[in-house]
């Protein structure tokens, strides 16, 4: 399960990187909800894991939060369009 959380965060970061390209900033309208659900899933399952370390969910949460924050800044700078 940790791999899914980490993979979700990596996909969110990858989508955020693509949305940083000029004229592709509107992709953040899709990427921010995707990263939000990843953050929600990672935070809800953080304490329920029976595995020894929960590094996957913590890393997934950090990646999703970074994607949300940078995506919102990018949307603000591009006025929600660019």
N, C-alpha and C. Protein backbone atom coordinates (compact mmCIF):
# COMPACT_ATOMS: atom_id res chain seq x y z
N UNK A 1 0.82 -1.20 0.00
CA UNK A 1 0.00 0.00 0.00
C UNK A 1 0.86 1.26 0.00
N UNK A 2 2.03 1.16 0.62
CA UNK A 2 2.91 2.33 0.65
C UNK A 2 3.35 2.71 -0.75
N UNK A 3 3.53 1.73 -1.60
CA UNK A 3 3.97 2.01 -2.97
C UNK A 3 2.91 2.80 -3.73
N UNK A 4 1.64 2.51 -3.47
CA UNK A 4 0.56 3.23 -4.13
C UNK A 4 0.56 4.69 -3.70
N UNK A 5 0.75 4.94 -2.43
CA UNK A 5 0.77 6.32 -1.92
C UNK A 5 1.94 7.09 -2.49
N UNK A 6 3.09 6.45 -2.54
CA UNK A 6 4.27 7.10 -3.09
C UNK A 6 4.11 7.33 -4.59
N UNK A 7 3.56 6.36 -5.29
CA UNK A 7 3.34 6.50 -6.73
C UNK A 7 2.35 7.61 -7.02
N UNK A 8 1.32 7.75 -6.21
CA UNK A 8 0.33 8.81 -6.38
C UNK A 8 1.01 10.17 -6.26
N UNK A 9 1.88 10.32 -5.27
CA UNK A 9 2.61 11.57 -5.09
C UNK A 9 3.56 11.85 -6.24
N UNK A 10 4.22 10.82 -6.76
CA UNK A 10 5.13 11.01 -7.89
C UNK A 10 4.38 11.42 -9.16
N UNK A 11 3.21 10.84 -9.38
CA UNK A 11 2.40 11.23 -10.54
C UNK A 11 1.92 12.67 -10.38
N UNK A 12 1.56 13.07 -9.18
CA UNK A 12 1.13 14.45 -8.94
C UNK A 12 2.27 15.43 -9.19
N UNK A 13 3.47 15.09 -8.76
CA UNK A 13 4.63 15.96 -9.00
C UNK A 13 4.94 16.02 -10.49
N UNK A 14 4.85 14.88 -11.17
CA UNK A 14 5.11 14.85 -12.61
C UNK A 14 4.10 15.72 -13.35
N UNK A 15 2.83 15.65 -12.97
CA UNK A 15 1.80 16.50 -13.57
C UNK A 15 2.06 17.97 -13.30
N UNK A 16 2.55 18.27 -12.09
CA UNK A 16 2.86 19.65 -11.76
C UNK A 16 4.02 20.16 -12.60
N UNK A 17 5.02 19.31 -12.85
CA UNK A 17 6.16 19.72 -13.68
C UNK A 17 5.72 20.01 -15.11
N UNK A 18 4.82 19.18 -15.63
CA UNK A 18 4.31 19.43 -16.98
C UNK A 18 3.53 20.74 -17.02
N UNK A 19 2.77 21.01 -15.96
CA UNK A 19 1.97 22.23 -15.92
C UNK A 19 2.82 23.48 -15.74
N UNK A 20 4.09 23.33 -15.41
CA UNK A 20 4.97 24.49 -15.30
C UNK A 20 5.44 25.00 -16.67
N UNK A 21 5.25 24.18 -17.70
CA UNK A 21 5.61 24.59 -19.06
C UNK A 21 4.69 25.73 -19.47
N UNK A 22 5.22 26.77 -20.09
CA UNK A 22 4.35 27.87 -20.53
C UNK A 22 3.22 27.38 -21.43
N UNK A 23 2.06 27.93 -21.25
CA UNK A 23 0.83 27.64 -21.96
C UNK A 23 0.20 26.29 -21.58
N UNK A 24 0.74 25.59 -20.60
CA UNK A 24 0.14 24.35 -20.11
C UNK A 24 -0.29 24.47 -18.65
N UNK A 25 -0.35 25.68 -18.14
CA UNK A 25 -0.68 25.90 -16.74
C UNK A 25 -2.10 25.51 -16.37
N UNK A 26 -3.00 25.47 -17.36
CA UNK A 26 -4.39 25.08 -17.07
C UNK A 26 -4.48 23.62 -16.65
N UNK A 27 -3.43 22.84 -16.89
CA UNK A 27 -3.39 21.45 -16.44
C UNK A 27 -3.48 21.37 -14.92
N UNK A 28 -3.12 22.44 -14.24
CA UNK A 28 -3.20 22.45 -12.77
C UNK A 28 -4.64 22.33 -12.28
N UNK A 29 -5.62 22.69 -13.11
CA UNK A 29 -7.02 22.53 -12.71
C UNK A 29 -7.36 21.05 -12.55
N UNK A 30 -6.64 20.18 -13.23
CA UNK A 30 -6.82 18.74 -13.05
C UNK A 30 -5.86 18.17 -12.02
N UNK A 31 -4.66 18.72 -11.98
CA UNK A 31 -3.62 18.17 -11.12
C UNK A 31 -3.86 18.48 -9.64
N UNK A 32 -4.38 19.63 -9.32
CA UNK A 32 -4.59 20.00 -7.92
C UNK A 32 -5.63 19.07 -7.26
N UNK A 33 -6.79 18.79 -7.87
CA UNK A 33 -7.70 17.82 -7.24
C UNK A 33 -7.11 16.42 -7.16
N UNK A 34 -6.34 16.02 -8.17
CA UNK A 34 -5.68 14.71 -8.14
C UNK A 34 -4.73 14.64 -6.96
N UNK A 35 -3.92 15.68 -6.77
CA UNK A 35 -2.97 15.70 -5.65
C UNK A 35 -3.71 15.80 -4.32
N UNK A 36 -4.84 16.51 -4.28
CA UNK A 36 -5.62 16.62 -3.04
C UNK A 36 -6.14 15.26 -2.61
N UNK A 37 -6.65 14.47 -3.56
CA UNK A 37 -7.13 13.14 -3.21
C UNK A 37 -5.98 12.24 -2.78
N UNK A 38 -4.83 12.40 -3.39
CA UNK A 38 -3.66 11.65 -2.96
C UNK A 38 -3.26 12.02 -1.54
N UNK A 39 -3.31 13.30 -1.23
CA UNK A 39 -3.01 13.77 0.13
C UNK A 39 -4.03 13.23 1.12
N UNK A 40 -5.28 13.22 0.73
CA UNK A 40 -6.34 12.71 1.60
C UNK A 40 -6.16 11.21 1.85
N UNK A 41 -5.90 10.45 0.81
CA UNK A 41 -5.71 9.01 0.96
C UNK A 41 -4.48 8.72 1.83
N UNK A 42 -3.40 9.44 1.58
CA UNK A 42 -2.18 9.22 2.36
C UNK A 42 -2.37 9.58 3.82
N UNK A 43 -3.10 10.64 4.10
CA UNK A 43 -3.28 11.05 5.49
C UNK A 43 -4.26 10.12 6.22
N UNK A 44 -5.27 9.61 5.52
CA UNK A 44 -6.22 8.72 6.17
C UNK A 44 -5.62 7.36 6.48
N UNK A 45 -4.69 6.91 5.67
CA UNK A 45 -4.10 5.59 5.87
C UNK A 45 -2.73 5.67 6.54
N UNK A 46 -2.35 6.82 7.05
CA UNK A 46 -1.04 6.97 7.66
C UNK A 46 -0.89 6.10 8.91
N UNK A 47 -1.87 6.08 9.76
CA UNK A 47 -1.76 5.33 11.00
C UNK A 47 -2.27 3.91 10.92
N UNK A 48 -2.85 3.52 9.79
CA UNK A 48 -3.45 2.19 9.69
C UNK A 48 -2.52 1.16 9.08
N UNK A 49 -1.33 1.55 8.74
CA UNK A 49 -0.40 0.62 8.10
C UNK A 49 0.23 -0.30 9.14
N UNK A 50 0.32 -1.59 8.83
CA UNK A 50 0.95 -2.56 9.71
C UNK A 50 2.43 -2.73 9.39
N UNK A 51 2.90 -2.02 8.37
CA UNK A 51 4.31 -2.10 8.00
C UNK A 51 5.15 -1.38 9.05
N UNK A 52 6.43 -1.70 9.06
CA UNK A 52 7.32 -1.09 10.06
C UNK A 52 7.41 0.42 9.89
N UNK A 53 8.09 0.93 8.87
CA UNK A 53 8.10 2.39 8.69
C UNK A 53 7.02 2.82 7.72
N UNK A 54 6.47 3.98 7.92
CA UNK A 54 5.46 4.53 7.02
C UNK A 54 6.08 5.62 6.15
N UNK A 55 7.24 5.35 5.61
CA UNK A 55 7.91 6.35 4.79
C UNK A 55 7.17 6.62 3.49
N UNK A 56 6.52 5.59 2.94
CA UNK A 56 5.82 5.75 1.67
C UNK A 56 4.68 6.73 1.77
N UNK A 57 3.90 6.63 2.85
CA UNK A 57 2.77 7.55 2.98
C UNK A 57 3.23 8.94 3.36
N UNK A 58 4.29 9.04 4.16
CA UNK A 58 4.81 10.37 4.50
C UNK A 58 5.39 11.05 3.27
N UNK A 59 6.11 10.30 2.45
CA UNK A 59 6.67 10.86 1.22
C UNK A 59 5.55 11.20 0.25
N UNK A 60 4.54 10.36 0.15
CA UNK A 60 3.40 10.65 -0.71
C UNK A 60 2.66 11.90 -0.28
N UNK A 61 2.51 12.07 1.04
CA UNK A 61 1.86 13.28 1.54
C UNK A 61 2.68 14.52 1.21
N UNK A 62 4.00 14.44 1.38
CA UNK A 62 4.86 15.59 1.09
C UNK A 62 4.83 15.94 -0.39
N UNK A 63 4.86 14.94 -1.25
CA UNK A 63 4.84 15.19 -2.69
C UNK A 63 3.51 15.79 -3.13
N UNK A 64 2.42 15.26 -2.60
CA UNK A 64 1.09 15.79 -2.95
C UNK A 64 0.91 17.22 -2.44
N UNK A 65 1.37 17.48 -1.24
CA UNK A 65 1.27 18.84 -0.69
C UNK A 65 2.11 19.82 -1.50
N UNK A 66 3.28 19.39 -1.93
CA UNK A 66 4.13 20.24 -2.77
C UNK A 66 3.45 20.51 -4.11
N UNK A 67 2.86 19.48 -4.71
CA UNK A 67 2.17 19.65 -5.98
C UNK A 67 0.99 20.60 -5.85
N UNK A 68 0.26 20.51 -4.74
CA UNK A 68 -0.87 21.41 -4.52
C UNK A 68 -0.38 22.85 -4.37
N UNK A 69 0.62 23.04 -3.52
CA UNK A 69 1.12 24.40 -3.27
C UNK A 69 1.69 25.05 -4.51
N UNK A 70 2.57 24.36 -5.21
CA UNK A 70 3.17 24.95 -6.41
C UNK A 70 2.15 25.11 -7.54
N UNK A 71 1.20 24.18 -7.62
CA UNK A 71 0.15 24.31 -8.63
C UNK A 71 -0.74 25.52 -8.38
N UNK A 72 -1.04 25.78 -7.11
CA UNK A 72 -1.86 26.96 -6.80
C UNK A 72 -1.11 28.25 -7.08
N UNK A 73 0.18 28.26 -6.78
CA UNK A 73 0.99 29.45 -7.10
C UNK A 73 1.03 29.66 -8.60
N UNK A 74 1.21 28.57 -9.35
CA UNK A 74 1.26 28.67 -10.81
C UNK A 74 -0.06 29.17 -11.38
N UNK A 75 -1.18 28.69 -10.85
CA UNK A 75 -2.48 29.17 -11.30
C UNK A 75 -2.67 30.65 -10.96
N UNK A 76 -2.20 31.06 -9.81
CA UNK A 76 -2.32 32.46 -9.41
C UNK A 76 -1.50 33.35 -10.34
N UNK A 77 -0.29 32.94 -10.65
CA UNK A 77 0.58 33.74 -11.52
C UNK A 77 0.08 33.78 -12.95
N UNK A 78 -0.55 32.71 -13.40
CA UNK A 78 -1.07 32.68 -14.76
C UNK A 78 -2.52 33.09 -14.86
N UNK A 79 -3.07 33.63 -13.81
CA UNK A 79 -4.48 34.07 -13.75
C UNK A 79 -5.44 32.92 -14.05
N UNK A 80 -5.04 31.71 -13.75
CA UNK A 80 -5.90 30.55 -13.92
C UNK A 80 -5.98 30.02 -15.32
N UNK A 81 -5.24 30.62 -16.25
CA UNK A 81 -5.35 30.21 -17.65
C UNK A 81 -4.05 29.66 -18.22
N UNK A 82 -2.97 30.33 -18.00
CA UNK A 82 -1.72 29.96 -18.66
C UNK A 82 -0.87 29.10 -17.81
